[in-house]
PDB file of N, CA and C in Angstrom:
ATOM      1  N   MET A   1      14.943 -75.584 -49.957  1.00  0.00           N
ATOM      2  CA  MET A   1      14.692 -74.731 -48.827  1.00  0.00           C
ATOM      3  C   MET A   1      15.787 -74.925 -47.779  1.00  0.00           C
ATOM      4  N   LYS A   2      16.090 -76.148 -47.413  1.00  0.00           N
ATOM      5  CA  LYS A   2      17.145 -76.439 -46.454  1.00  0.00           C
ATOM      6  C   LYS A   2      18.415 -76.791 -47.215  1.00  0.00           C
ATOM      7  N   LYS A   3      19.520 -76.161 -46.836  1.00  0.00           N
ATOM      8  CA  LYS A   3      20.796 -76.415 -47.500  1.00  0.00           C
ATOM      9  C   LYS A   3      21.819 -76.852 -46.470  1.00  0.00           C
ATOM     10  N   ILE A   4      22.723 -77.717 -46.887  1.00  0.00           N
ATOM     11  CA  ILE A   4      23.850 -78.126 -46.048  1.00  0.00           C
ATOM     12  C   ILE A   4      25.115 -77.710 -46.795  1.00  0.00           C
ATOM     13  N   ILE A   5      25.921 -76.860 -46.157  1.00  0.00           N
ATOM     14  CA  ILE A   5      27.131 -76.329 -46.766  1.00  0.00           C
ATOM     15  C   ILE A   5      28.307 -76.628 -45.844  1.00  0.00           C
ATOM     16  N   GLU A   6      29.409 -77.054 -46.425  1.00  0.00           N
ATOM     17  CA  GLU A   6      30.636 -77.224 -45.647  1.00  0.00           C
ATOM     18  C   GLU A   6      31.611 -76.137 -46.083  1.00  0.00           C
ATOM     19  N   THR A   7      32.149 -75.404 -45.117  1.00  0.00           N
ATOM     20  CA  THR A   7      33.044 -74.290 -45.408  1.00  0.00           C
ATOM     21  C   THR A   7      34.148 -74.226 -44.367  1.00  0.00           C
ATOM     22  N   LYS A   8      35.168 -73.442 -44.664  1.00  0.00           N
ATOM     23  CA  LYS A   8      36.293 -73.259 -43.749  1.00  0.00           C
ATOM     24  C   LYS A   8      36.275 -71.828 -43.242  1.00  0.00           C
ATOM     25  N   VAL A   9      36.467 -71.670 -41.929  1.00  0.00           N
ATOM     26  CA  VAL A   9      36.432 -70.371 -41.281  1.00  0.00           C
ATOM     27  C   VAL A   9      37.749 -70.169 -40.538  1.00  0.00           C
ATOM     28  N   ARG A  10      38.373 -68.988 -40.713  1.00  0.00           N
ATOM     29  CA  ARG A  10      39.586 -68.651 -39.959  1.00  0.00           C
ATOM     30  C   ARG A  10      39.193 -67.706 -38.834  1.00  0.00           C
ATOM     31  N   ILE A  11      39.514 -68.119 -37.598  1.00  0.00           N
ATOM     32  CA  ILE A  11      39.133 -67.338 -36.431  1.00  0.00           C
ATOM     33  C   ILE A  11      40.347 -67.105 -35.539  1.00  0.00           C
ATOM     34  N   GLU A  12      40.240 -66.108 -34.667  1.00  0.00           N
ATOM     35  CA  GLU A  12      41.341 -65.728 -33.791  1.00  0.00           C
ATOM     36  C   GLU A  12      40.796 -65.478 -32.390  1.00  0.00           C
ATOM     37  N   GLY A  13      41.587 -65.836 -31.389  1.00  0.00           N
ATOM     38  CA  GLY A  13      41.188 -65.592 -30.008  1.00  0.00           C
ATOM     39  C   GLY A  13      42.383 -65.211 -29.166  1.00  0.00           C
ATOM     40  N   LYS A  14      42.143 -64.364 -28.164  1.00  0.00           N
ATOM     41  CA  LYS A  14      43.181 -63.921 -27.241  1.00  0.00           C
ATOM     42  C   LYS A  14      42.672 -64.088 -25.829  1.00  0.00           C
ATOM     43  N   GLY A  15      43.604 -64.308 -24.876  1.00  0.00           N
ATOM     44  CA  GLY A  15      43.182 -64.432 -23.492  1.00  0.00           C
ATOM     45  C   GLY A  15      44.349 -64.545 -22.543  1.00  0.00           C
ATOM     46  N   ASP A  16      44.019 -64.542 -21.238  1.00  0.00           N
ATOM     47  CA  ASP A  16      45.026 -64.650 -20.193  1.00  0.00           C
ATOM     48  C   ASP A  16      45.469 -66.086 -19.958  1.00  0.00           C
ATOM     49  N   SER A  17      44.705 -67.044 -20.478  1.00  0.00           N
ATOM     50  CA  SER A  17      45.075 -68.451 -20.363  1.00  0.00           C
ATOM     51  C   SER A  17      44.856 -69.124 -21.724  1.00  0.00           C
ATOM     52  N   LYS A  18      45.415 -70.317 -21.843  1.00  0.00           N
ATOM     53  CA  LYS A  18      45.261 -71.061 -23.098  1.00  0.00           C
ATOM     54  C   LYS A  18      43.788 -71.395 -23.353  1.00  0.00           C
ATOM     55  N   GLU A  19      43.090 -71.791 -22.300  1.00  0.00           N
ATOM     56  CA  GLU A  19      41.682 -72.153 -22.425  1.00  0.00           C
ATOM     57  C   GLU A  19      40.831 -70.956 -22.835  1.00  0.00           C
ATOM     58  N   ARG A  20      41.113 -69.785 -22.237  1.00  0.00           N
ATOM     59  CA  ARG A  20      40.333 -68.591 -22.572  1.00  0.00           C
ATOM     60  C   ARG A  20      40.577 -68.172 -24.020  1.00  0.00           C
ATOM     61  N   ALA A  21      41.815 -68.281 -24.500  1.00  0.00           N
ATOM     62  CA  ALA A  21      42.114 -67.938 -25.890  1.00  0.00           C
ATOM     63  C   ALA A  21      41.363 -68.863 -26.851  1.00  0.00           C
ATOM     64  N   LEU A  22      41.344 -70.168 -26.550  1.00  0.00           N
ATOM     65  CA  LEU A  22      40.614 -71.116 -27.401  1.00  0.00           C
ATOM     66  C   LEU A  22      39.108 -70.886 -27.327  1.00  0.00           C
ATOM     67  N   ASN A  23      38.578 -70.631 -26.130  1.00  0.00           N
ATOM     68  CA  ASN A  23      37.144 -70.371 -25.995  1.00  0.00           C
ATOM     69  C   ASN A  23      36.728 -69.112 -26.731  1.00  0.00           C
ATOM     70  N   THR A  24      37.556 -68.085 -26.677  1.00  0.00           N
ATOM     71  CA  THR A  24      37.259 -66.847 -27.398  1.00  0.00           C
ATOM     72  C   THR A  24      37.247 -67.092 -28.897  1.00  0.00           C
ATOM     73  N   ALA A  25      38.228 -67.843 -29.376  1.00  0.00           N
ATOM     74  CA  ALA A  25      38.296 -68.139 -30.805  1.00  0.00           C
ATOM     75  C   ALA A  25      37.080 -68.951 -31.256  1.00  0.00           C
ATOM     76  N   LEU A  26      36.746 -70.001 -30.526  1.00  0.00           N
ATOM     77  CA  LEU A  26      35.615 -70.845 -30.922  1.00  0.00           C
ATOM     78  C   LEU A  26      34.290 -70.104 -30.785  1.00  0.00           C
ATOM     79  N   GLY A  27      34.212 -69.153 -29.871  1.00  0.00           N
ATOM     80  CA  GLY A  27      33.012 -68.338 -29.741  1.00  0.00           C
ATOM     81  C   GLY A  27      32.816 -67.383 -30.901  1.00  0.00           C
ATOM     82  N   ASN A  28      33.884 -67.093 -31.635  1.00  0.00           N
ATOM     83  CA  ASN A  28      33.799 -66.188 -32.780  1.00  0.00           C
ATOM     84  C   ASN A  28      33.326 -66.878 -34.059  1.00  0.00           C
ATOM     85  N   ILE A  29      33.157 -68.199 -34.031  1.00  0.00           N
ATOM     86  CA  ILE A  29      32.702 -68.923 -35.225  1.00  0.00           C
ATOM     87  C   ILE A  29      31.332 -68.414 -35.656  1.00  0.00           C
ATOM     88  N   GLN A  30      30.411 -68.288 -34.712  1.00  0.00           N
ATOM     89  CA  GLN A  30      29.055 -67.867 -35.057  1.00  0.00           C
ATOM     90  C   GLN A  30      29.046 -66.462 -35.654  1.00  0.00           C
ATOM     91  N   LYS A  31      29.810 -65.532 -35.085  1.00  0.00           N
ATOM     92  CA  LYS A  31      29.859 -64.167 -35.613  1.00  0.00           C
ATOM     93  C   LYS A  31      30.375 -64.152 -37.044  1.00  0.00           C
ATOM     94  N   LYS A  32      31.423 -64.914 -37.297  1.00  0.00           N
ATOM     95  CA  LYS A  32      32.020 -64.960 -38.634  1.00  0.00           C
ATOM     96  C   LYS A  32      31.046 -65.560 -39.656  1.00  0.00           C
ATOM     97  N   VAL A  33      30.382 -66.648 -39.287  1.00  0.00           N
ATOM     98  CA  VAL A  33      29.457 -67.315 -40.197  1.00  0.00           C
ATOM     99  C   VAL A  33      28.232 -66.437 -40.461  1.00  0.00           C
ATOM    100  N   MET A  34      27.720 -65.778 -39.424  1.00  0.00           N
ATOM    101  CA  MET A  34      26.552 -64.906 -39.596  1.00  0.00           C
ATOM    102  C   MET A  34      26.880 -63.745 -40.533  1.00  0.00           C
ATOM    103  N   LYS A  35      28.094 -63.247 -40.482  1.00  0.00           N
ATOM    104  CA  LYS A  35      28.498 -62.149 -41.356  1.00  0.00           C
ATOM    105  C   LYS A  35      28.602 -62.618 -42.806  1.00  0.00           C
ATOM    106  N   ASP A  36      29.053 -63.843 -43.021  1.00  0.00           N
ATOM    107  CA  ASP A  36      29.245 -64.357 -44.378  1.00  0.00           C
ATOM    108  C   ASP A  36      27.949 -64.813 -45.046  1.00  0.00           C
ATOM    109  N   TYR A  37      26.969 -65.268 -44.280  1.00  0.00           N
ATOM    110  CA  TYR A  37      25.720 -65.808 -44.829  1.00  0.00           C
ATOM    111  C   TYR A  37      24.534 -65.000 -44.316  1.00  0.00           C
ATOM    112  N   LYS A  38      24.419 -63.741 -44.725  1.00  0.00           N
ATOM    113  CA  LYS A  38      23.381 -62.852 -44.218  1.00  0.00           C
ATOM    114  C   LYS A  38      21.985 -63.193 -44.725  1.00  0.00           C
ATOM    115  N   GLY A  39      21.814 -63.666 -45.936  1.00  0.00           N
ATOM    116  CA  GLY A  39      20.493 -63.891 -46.511  1.00  0.00           C
ATOM    117  C   GLY A  39      19.815 -65.150 -46.033  1.00  0.00           C
ATOM    118  N   ASN A  40      20.510 -65.971 -45.259  1.00  0.00           N
ATOM    119  CA  ASN A  40      19.967 -67.255 -44.827  1.00  0.00           C
ATOM    120  C   ASN A  40      19.835 -67.296 -43.317  1.00  0.00           C
ATOM    121  N   MET A  41      18.912 -68.120 -42.852  1.00  0.00           N
ATOM    122  CA  MET A  41      18.801 -68.358 -41.418  1.00  0.00           C
ATOM    123  C   MET A  41      19.601 -69.608 -41.091  1.00  0.00           C
ATOM    124  N   ILE A  42      20.527 -69.485 -40.176  1.00  0.00           N
ATOM    125  CA  ILE A  42      21.392 -70.606 -39.822  1.00  0.00           C
ATOM    126  C   ILE A  42      20.715 -71.415 -38.718  1.00  0.00           C
ATOM    127  N   ILE A  43      20.467 -72.686 -39.012  1.00  0.00           N
ATOM    128  CA  ILE A  43      19.825 -73.566 -38.053  1.00  0.00           C
ATOM    129  C   ILE A  43      20.864 -74.186 -37.122  1.00  0.00           C
ATOM    130  N   ARG A  44      21.980 -74.636 -37.707  1.00  0.00           N
ATOM    131  CA  ARG A  44      23.000 -75.306 -36.894  1.00  0.00           C
ATOM    132  C   ARG A  44      24.373 -75.060 -37.491  1.00  0.00           C
ATOM    133  N   ILE A  45      25.350 -74.851 -36.615  1.00  0.00           N
ATOM    134  CA  ILE A  45      26.754 -74.722 -37.003  1.00  0.00           C
ATOM    135  C   ILE A  45      27.491 -75.842 -36.284  1.00  0.00           C
ATOM    136  N   GLU A  46      28.067 -76.743 -37.076  1.00  0.00           N
ATOM    137  CA  GLU A  46      28.728 -77.906 -36.488  1.00  0.00           C
ATOM    138  C   GLU A  46      30.203 -77.944 -36.913  1.00  0.00           C
ATOM    139  N   PRO A  47      31.136 -77.720 -35.968  1.00  0.00           N
ATOM    140  CA  PRO A  47      32.561 -77.836 -36.313  1.00  0.00           C
ATOM    141  C   PRO A  47      32.909 -79.285 -36.633  1.00  0.00           C
ATOM    142  N   VAL A  48      33.595 -79.489 -37.750  1.00  0.00           N
ATOM    143  CA  VAL A  48      33.962 -80.836 -38.176  1.00  0.00           C
ATOM    144  C   VAL A  48      35.430 -81.106 -37.885  1.00  0.00           C
ATOM    145  N   ASN A  49      36.288 -80.120 -38.163  1.00  0.00           N
ATOM    146  CA  ASN A  49      37.730 -80.290 -37.994  1.00  0.00           C
ATOM    147  C   ASN A  49      38.334 -78.963 -37.564  1.00  0.00           C
ATOM    148  N   VAL A  50      39.348 -79.018 -36.698  1.00  0.00           N
ATOM    149  CA  VAL A  50      40.036 -77.818 -36.231  1.00  0.00           C
ATOM    150  C   VAL A  50      41.524 -77.970 -36.506  1.00  0.00           C
ATOM    151  N   ASP A  51      42.099 -76.993 -37.219  1.00  0.00           N
ATOM    152  CA  ASP A  51      43.540 -76.952 -37.468  1.00  0.00           C
ATOM    153  C   ASP A  51      44.113 -75.702 -36.818  1.00  0.00           C
ATOM    154  N   VAL A  52      45.210 -75.877 -36.068  1.00  0.00           N
ATOM    155  CA  VAL A  52      45.865 -74.741 -35.425  1.00  0.00           C
ATOM    156  C   VAL A  52      46.839 -74.131 -36.420  1.00  0.00           C
ATOM    157  N   VAL A  53      46.594 -72.872 -36.794  1.00  0.00           N
ATOM    158  CA  VAL A  53      47.463 -72.161 -37.720  1.00  0.00           C
ATOM    159  C   VAL A  53      48.609 -71.512 -36.948  1.00  0.00           C
ATOM    160  N   GLU A  54      48.266 -70.885 -35.829  1.00  0.00           N
ATOM    161  CA  GLU A  54      49.272 -70.189 -35.039  1.00  0.00           C
ATOM    162  C   GLU A  54      48.841 -70.194 -33.578  1.00  0.00           C
ATOM    163  N   ALA A  55      49.784 -70.515 -32.688  1.00  0.00           N
ATOM    164  CA  ALA A  55      49.551 -70.451 -31.247  1.00  0.00           C
ATOM    165  C   ALA A  55      50.759 -69.750 -30.638  1.00  0.00           C
ATOM    166  N   MET A  56      50.504 -68.619 -29.977  1.00  0.00           N
ATOM    167  CA  MET A  56      51.601 -67.802 -29.497  1.00  0.00           C
ATOM    168  C   MET A  56      51.392 -67.435 -28.029  1.00  0.00           C
ATOM    169  N   GLU A  57      52.468 -67.513 -27.244  1.00  0.00           N
ATOM    170  CA  GLU A  57      52.452 -67.084 -25.847  1.00  0.00           C
ATOM    171  C   GLU A  57      53.422 -65.918 -25.705  1.00  0.00           C
ATOM    172  N   THR A  58      52.950 -64.817 -25.145  1.00  0.00           N
ATOM    173  CA  THR A  58      53.780 -63.644 -24.901  1.00  0.00           C
ATOM    174  C   THR A  58      53.918 -63.479 -23.399  1.00  0.00           C
ATOM    175  N   SER A  59      55.171 -63.508 -22.895  1.00  0.00           N
ATOM    176  CA  SER A  59      55.431 -63.381 -21.462  1.00  0.00           C
ATOM    177  C   SER A  59      56.095 -62.048 -21.169  1.00  0.00           C
ATOM    178  N   TYR A  60      55.791 -61.511 -20.001  1.00  0.00           N
ATOM    179  CA  TYR A  60      56.426 -60.279 -19.553  1.00  0.00           C
ATOM    180  C   TYR A  60      56.431 -60.267 -18.024  1.00  0.00           C
ATOM    181  N   VAL A  61      57.298 -59.425 -17.436  1.00  0.00           N
ATOM    182  CA  VAL A  61      57.393 -59.300 -15.992  1.00  0.00           C
ATOM    183  C   VAL A  61      56.660 -58.036 -15.579  1.00  0.00           C
ATOM    184  N   GLU A  62      55.731 -58.201 -14.658  1.00  0.00           N
ATOM    185  CA  GLU A  62      54.939 -57.089 -14.158  1.00  0.00           C
ATOM    186  C   GLU A  62      55.434 -56.748 -12.752  1.00  0.00           C
ATOM    187  N   ARG A  63      55.611 -55.451 -12.477  1.00  0.00           N
ATOM    188  CA  ARG A  63      56.099 -55.017 -11.168  1.00  0.00           C
ATOM    189  C   ARG A  63      55.186 -53.943 -10.601  1.00  0.00           C
ATOM    190  N   PHE A  64      55.038 -53.967  -9.291  1.00  0.00           N
ATOM    191  CA  PHE A  64      54.271 -52.948  -8.587  1.00  0.00           C
ATOM    192  C   PHE A  64      55.162 -51.734  -8.354  1.00  0.00           C
ATOM    193  N   LEU A  65      54.736 -50.566  -8.779  1.00  0.00           N
ATOM    194  CA  LEU A  65      55.508 -49.312  -8.700  1.00  0.00           C
ATOM    195  C   LEU A  65      56.885 -49.443  -9.363  1.00  0.00           C
ATOM    196  N   PHE A  66      56.955 -50.227 -10.425  1.00  0.00           N
ATOM    197  CA  PHE A  66      58.145 -50.433 -11.257  1.00  0.00           C
ATOM    198  C   PHE A  66      59.318 -51.089 -10.536  1.00  0.00           C
ATOM    199  N   VAL A  67      59.170 -51.429  -9.244  1.00  0.00           N
ATOM    200  CA  VAL A  67      60.287 -52.012  -8.487  1.00  0.00           C
ATOM    201  C   VAL A  67      59.855 -53.235  -7.692  1.00  0.00           C
ATOM    202  N   PHE A  68      58.729 -53.150  -6.992  1.00  0.00           N
ATOM    203  CA  PHE A  68      58.331 -54.167  -6.018  1.00  0.00           C
ATOM    204  C   PHE A  68      57.521 -55.290  -6.650  1.00  0.00           C
ATOM    205  N   ALA A  69      57.595 -56.431  -6.000  1.00  0.00           N
ATOM    206  CA  ALA A  69      56.781 -57.614  -6.292  1.00  0.00           C
ATOM    207  C   ALA A  69      56.741 -57.982  -7.772  1.00  0.00           C
ATOM    208  N   PRO A  70      57.883 -58.360  -8.344  1.00  0.00           N
ATOM    209  CA  PRO A  70      57.847 -58.777  -9.748  1.00  0.00           C
ATOM    210  C   PRO A  70      57.128 -60.126  -9.907  1.00  0.00           C
ATOM    211  N   ARG A  71      56.334 -60.234 -10.953  1.00  0.00           N
ATOM    212  CA  ARG A  71      55.692 -61.510 -11.265  1.00  0.00           C
ATOM    213  C   ARG A  71      55.593 -61.659 -12.775  1.00  0.00           C
ATOM    214  N   LYS A  72      55.682 -62.904 -13.193  1.00  0.00           N
ATOM    215  CA  LYS A  72      55.651 -63.210 -14.624  1.00  0.00           C
ATOM    216  C   LYS A  72      54.192 -63.366 -15.069  1.00  0.00           C
ATOM    217  N   ARG A  73      53.830 -62.662 -16.129  1.00  0.00           N
ATOM    218  CA  ARG A  73      52.484 -62.719 -16.695  1.00  0.00           C
ATOM    219  C   ARG A  73      52.584 -63.227 -18.129  1.00  0.00           C
ATOM    220  N   SER A  74      51.522 -63.850 -18.596  1.00  0.00           N
ATOM    221  CA  SER A  74      51.490 -64.378 -19.964  1.00  0.00           C
ATOM    222  C   SER A  74      50.177 -64.019 -20.628  1.00  0.00           C
ATOM    223  N   LYS A  75      50.237 -63.772 -21.915  1.00  0.00           N
ATOM    224  CA  LYS A  75      49.064 -63.571 -22.768  1.00  0.00           C
ATOM    225  C   LYS A  75      49.158 -64.611 -23.880  1.00  0.00           C
ATOM    226  N   TYR A  76      48.004 -65.125 -24.279  1.00  0.00           N
ATOM    227  CA  TYR A  76      47.960 -66.167 -25.298  1.00  0.00           C
ATOM    228  C   TYR A  76      47.132 -65.694 -26.480  1.00  0.00           C
ATOM    229  N   ARG A  77      47.555 -66.108 -27.677  1.00  0.00           N
ATOM    230  CA  ARG A  77      46.854 -65.784 -28.913  1.00  0.00           C
ATOM    231  C   ARG A  77      46.849 -67.038 -29.784  1.00  0.00           C
ATOM    232  N   VAL A  78      45.699 -67.357 -30.359  1.00  0.00           N
ATOM    233  CA  VAL A  78      45.580 -68.546 -31.197  1.00  0.00           C
ATOM    234  C   VAL A  78      44.798 -68.194 -32.461  1.00  0.00           C
ATOM    235  N   VAL A  79      45.257 -68.743 -33.582  1.00  0.00           N
ATOM    236  CA  VAL A  79      44.553 -68.605 -34.861  1.00  0.00           C
ATOM    237  C   VAL A  79      44.216 -70.015 -35.329  1.00  0.00           C
ATOM    238  N   LEU A  80      42.935 -70.232 -35.634  1.00  0.00           N
ATOM    239  CA  LEU A  80      42.456 -71.567 -36.010  1.00  0.00           C
ATOM    240  C   LEU A  80      41.774 -71.534 -37.365  1.00  0.00           C
ATOM    241  N   ASP A  81      41.930 -72.611 -38.115  1.00  0.00           N
ATOM    242  CA  ASP A  81      41.114 -72.877 -39.300  1.00  0.00           C
ATOM    243  C   ASP A  81      40.138 -73.983 -38.924  1.00  0.00           C
ATOM    244  N   VAL A  82      38.858 -73.663 -38.971  1.00  0.00           N
ATOM    245  CA  VAL A  82      37.828 -74.611 -38.552  1.00  0.00           C
ATOM    246  C   VAL A  82      36.965 -74.958 -39.758  1.00  0.00           C
ATOM    247  N   ASP A  83      36.848 -76.255 -40.046  1.00  0.00           N
ATOM    248  CA  ASP A  83      35.909 -76.731 -41.057  1.00  0.00           C
ATOM    249  C   ASP A  83      34.551 -76.878 -40.370  1.00  0.00           C
ATOM    250  N   VAL A  84      33.551 -76.155 -40.862  1.00  0.00           N
ATOM    251  CA  VAL A  84      32.221 -76.205 -40.253  1.00  0.00           C
ATOM    252  C   VAL A  84      31.202 -76.678 -41.277  1.00  0.00           C
ATOM    253  N   GLU A  85      30.212 -77.381 -40.773  1.00  0.00           N
ATOM    254  CA  GLU A  85      29.081 -77.812 -41.586  1.00  0.00           C
ATOM    255  C   GLU A  85      27.896 -76.958 -41.155  1.00  0.00           C
ATOM    256  N   LEU A  86      27.322 -76.236 -42.113  1.00  0.00           N
ATOM    257  CA  LEU A  86      26.225 -75.312 -41.840  1.00  0.00           C
ATOM    258  C   LEU A  86      24.924 -75.897 -42.348  1.00  0.00           C
ATOM    259  N   PHE A  87      23.898 -75.818 -41.522  1.00  0.00           N
ATOM    260  CA  PHE A  87      22.546 -76.192 -41.920  1.00  0.00           C
ATOM    261  C   PHE A  87      21.772 -74.887 -42.048  1.00  0.00           C
ATOM    262  N   LEU A  88      21.450 -74.520 -43.280  1.00  0.00           N
ATOM    263  CA  LEU A  88      20.827 -73.232 -43.571  1.00  0.00           C
ATOM    264  C   LEU A  88      19.382 -73.411 -44.003  1.00  0.00           C
ATOM    265  N   LEU A  89      18.587 -72.407 -43.708  1.00  0.00           N
ATOM    266  CA  LEU A  89      17.202 -72.337 -44.160  1.00  0.00           C
ATOM    267  C   LEU A  89      17.073 -71.064 -44.973  1.00  0.00           C
ATOM    268  N   ASP A  90      16.754 -71.204 -46.261  1.00  0.00           N
ATOM    269  CA  ASP A  90      16.634 -70.037 -47.129  1.00  0.00           C
ATOM    270  C   ASP A  90      15.273 -69.391 -46.904  1.00  0.00           C
ATOM    271  N   VAL A  91      15.286 -68.217 -46.300  1.00  0.00           N
ATOM    272  CA  VAL A  91      14.052 -67.517 -45.941  1.00  0.00           C
ATOM    273  C   VAL A  91      13.294 -67.075 -47.183  1.00  0.00           C
ATOM    274  N   GLU A  92      13.986 -66.761 -48.253  1.00  0.00           N
ATOM    275  CA  GLU A  92      13.344 -66.283 -49.478  1.00  0.00           C
ATOM    276  C   GLU A  92      12.509 -67.364 -50.154  1.00  0.00           C
ATOM    277  N   GLU A  93      12.814 -68.630 -49.923  1.00  0.00           N
ATOM    278  CA  GLU A  93      12.072 -69.719 -50.555  1.00  0.00           C
ATOM    279  C   GLU A  93      10.798 -70.094 -49.798  1.00  0.00           C
ATOM    280  N   ILE A  94      10.602 -69.574 -48.600  1.00  0.00           N
ATOM    281  CA  ILE A  94       9.395 -69.876 -47.833  1.00  0.00           C
ATOM    282  C   ILE A  94       8.255 -69.029 -48.374  1.00  0.00           C
ATOM    283  N   ARG A  95       7.141 -69.686 -48.697  1.00  0.00           N
ATOM    284  CA  ARG A  95       5.982 -68.992 -49.238  1.00  0.00           C
ATOM    285  C   ARG A  95       5.034 -68.659 -48.090  1.00  0.00           C
ATOM    286  N   PHE A  96       4.873 -67.369 -47.839  1.00  0.00           N
ATOM    287  CA  PHE A  96       3.972 -66.905 -46.801  1.00  0.00           C
ATOM    288  C   PHE A  96       2.607 -66.610 -47.399  1.00  0.00           C
ATOM    289  N   GLU A  97       1.550 -67.008 -46.702  1.00  0.00           N
ATOM    290  CA  GLU A  97       0.185 -66.737 -47.129  1.00  0.00           C
ATOM    291  C   GLU A  97      -0.190 -65.340 -46.661  1.00  0.00           C
ATOM    292  N   THR A  98      -0.756 -64.538 -47.552  1.00  0.00           N
ATOM    293  CA  THR A  98      -1.142 -63.170 -47.231  1.00  0.00           C
ATOM    294  C   THR A  98      -2.612 -63.127 -46.861  1.00  0.00           C
ATOM    295  N   VAL A  99      -2.884 -62.513 -45.714  1.00  0.00           N
ATOM    296  CA  VAL A  99      -4.250 -62.351 -45.230  1.00  0.00           C
ATOM    297  C   VAL A  99      -4.465 -60.867 -44.997  1.00  0.00           C
ATOM    298  N   GLU A 100      -5.514 -60.323 -45.647  1.00  0.00           N
ATOM    299  CA  GLU A 100      -5.840 -58.901 -45.495  1.00  0.00           C
ATOM    300  C   GLU A 100      -6.763 -58.722 -44.309  1.00  0.00           C
ATOM    301  N   GLN A 101      -6.478 -57.735 -43.477  1.00  0.00           N
ATOM    302  CA  GLN A 101      -7.328 -57.410 -42.341  1.00  0.00           C
ATOM    303  C   GLN A 101      -7.704 -55.941 -42.417  1.00  0.00           C
ATOM    304  N   GLY A 102      -8.877 -55.625 -41.873  1.00  0.00           N
ATOM    305  CA  GLY A 102      -9.311 -54.240 -41.812  1.00  0.00           C
ATOM    306  C   GLY A 102      -8.503 -53.464 -40.784  1.00  0.00           C
ATOM    307  N   ASN A 103      -8.610 -52.158 -40.848  1.00  0.00           N
ATOM    308  CA  ASN A 103      -7.840 -51.318 -39.956  1.00  0.00           C
ATOM    309  C   ASN A 103      -8.593 -50.906 -38.699  1.00  0.00           C
ATOM    310  N   SER A 104      -9.845 -51.323 -38.542  1.00  0.00           N
ATOM    311  CA  SER A 104     -10.615 -50.863 -37.387  1.00  0.00           C
ATOM    312  C   SER A 104     -10.188 -51.625 -36.139  1.00  0.00           C
ATOM    313  N   LEU A 105     -10.183 -50.930 -35.020  1.00  0.00           N
ATOM    314  CA  LEU A 105      -9.809 -51.536 -33.749  1.00  0.00           C
ATOM    315  C   LEU A 105     -10.846 -52.561 -33.308  1.00  0.00           C
ATOM    316  N   LYS A 106     -12.140 -52.273 -33.554  1.00  0.00           N
ATOM    317  CA  LYS A 106     -13.207 -53.200 -33.195  1.00  0.00           C
ATOM    318  C   LYS A 106     -13.054 -54.508 -33.978  1.00  0.00           C
ATOM    319  N   GLY A 107     -12.732 -54.417 -35.249  1.00  0.00           N
ATOM    320  CA  GLY A 107     -12.550 -55.608 -36.056  1.00  0.00           C
ATOM    321  C   GLY A 107     -11.352 -56.435 -35.597  1.00  0.00           C
ATOM    322  N   GLN A 108     -10.316 -55.772 -35.159  1.00  0.00           N
ATOM    323  CA  GLN A 108      -9.140 -56.500 -34.693  1.00  0.00           C
ATOM    324  C   GLN A 108      -9.420 -57.210 -33.371  1.00  0.00           C
ATOM    325  N   ILE A 109     -10.196 -56.573 -32.505  1.00  0.00           N
ATOM    326  CA  ILE A 109     -10.467 -57.177 -31.186  1.00  0.00           C
ATOM    327  C   ILE A 109     -11.530 -58.251 -31.272  1.00  0.00           C
ATOM    328  N   MET A 110     -12.615 -57.983 -31.973  1.00  0.00           N
ATOM    329  CA  MET A 110     -13.777 -58.874 -31.959  1.00  0.00           C
ATOM    330  C   MET A 110     -13.722 -60.000 -32.990  1.00  0.00           C
ATOM    331  N   GLY A 111     -13.346 -59.683 -34.192  1.00  0.00           N
ATOM    332  CA  GLY A 111     -13.578 -60.668 -35.231  1.00  0.00           C
ATOM    333  C   GLY A 111     -12.371 -61.304 -35.872  1.00  0.00           C
ATOM    334  N   ASN A 112     -11.198 -60.776 -35.724  1.00  0.00           N
ATOM    335  CA  ASN A 112     -10.078 -61.277 -36.503  1.00  0.00           C
ATOM    336  C   ASN A 112      -9.083 -62.070 -35.672  1.00  0.00           C
ATOM    337  N   ASN A 113      -9.562 -62.942 -34.826  1.00  0.00           N
ATOM    338  CA  ASN A 113      -8.728 -63.859 -34.036  1.00  0.00           C
ATOM    339  C   ASN A 113      -7.700 -63.125 -33.192  1.00  0.00           C
ATOM    340  N   PHE A 114      -8.066 -61.974 -32.653  1.00  0.00           N
ATOM    341  CA  PHE A 114      -7.126 -61.211 -31.843  1.00  0.00           C
ATOM    342  C   PHE A 114      -6.931 -61.846 -30.476  1.00  0.00           C
ATOM    343  N   LEU A 115      -8.007 -62.416 -29.925  1.00  0.00           N
ATOM    344  CA  LEU A 115      -7.932 -62.961 -28.570  1.00  0.00           C
ATOM    345  C   LEU A 115      -7.611 -64.442 -28.546  1.00  0.00           C
ATOM    346  N   LYS A 116      -7.472 -65.084 -29.672  1.00  0.00           N
ATOM    347  CA  LYS A 116      -7.228 -66.525 -29.680  1.00  0.00           C
ATOM    348  C   LYS A 116      -5.772 -66.834 -29.526  1.00  0.00           C
TER     349      LYS A 116
END
């Protein structure tokens, strides 16, 4: 029922600062893992190791009205390979008990544990 899987995820993040690019990338781990393991409920995602594949800074000069107040701006992009340990719960293996109830409103309110 409970499975522990170790896998590698490649993620990418962009931002106006180095910290924002890394935070964006690490925030994408859950989205990537949820897309890859749709049939299971993920209990915990634990990053084990992080490898930087690519880290890039792009600089440019920004000017007001193309002439005034030049300032240097930077954008950051990072690509990471993250080894994650996943704790999964297989929903299909859980045995649910089936209880039949009548369709009457009185039966649902009075007798079938509706108010408990």
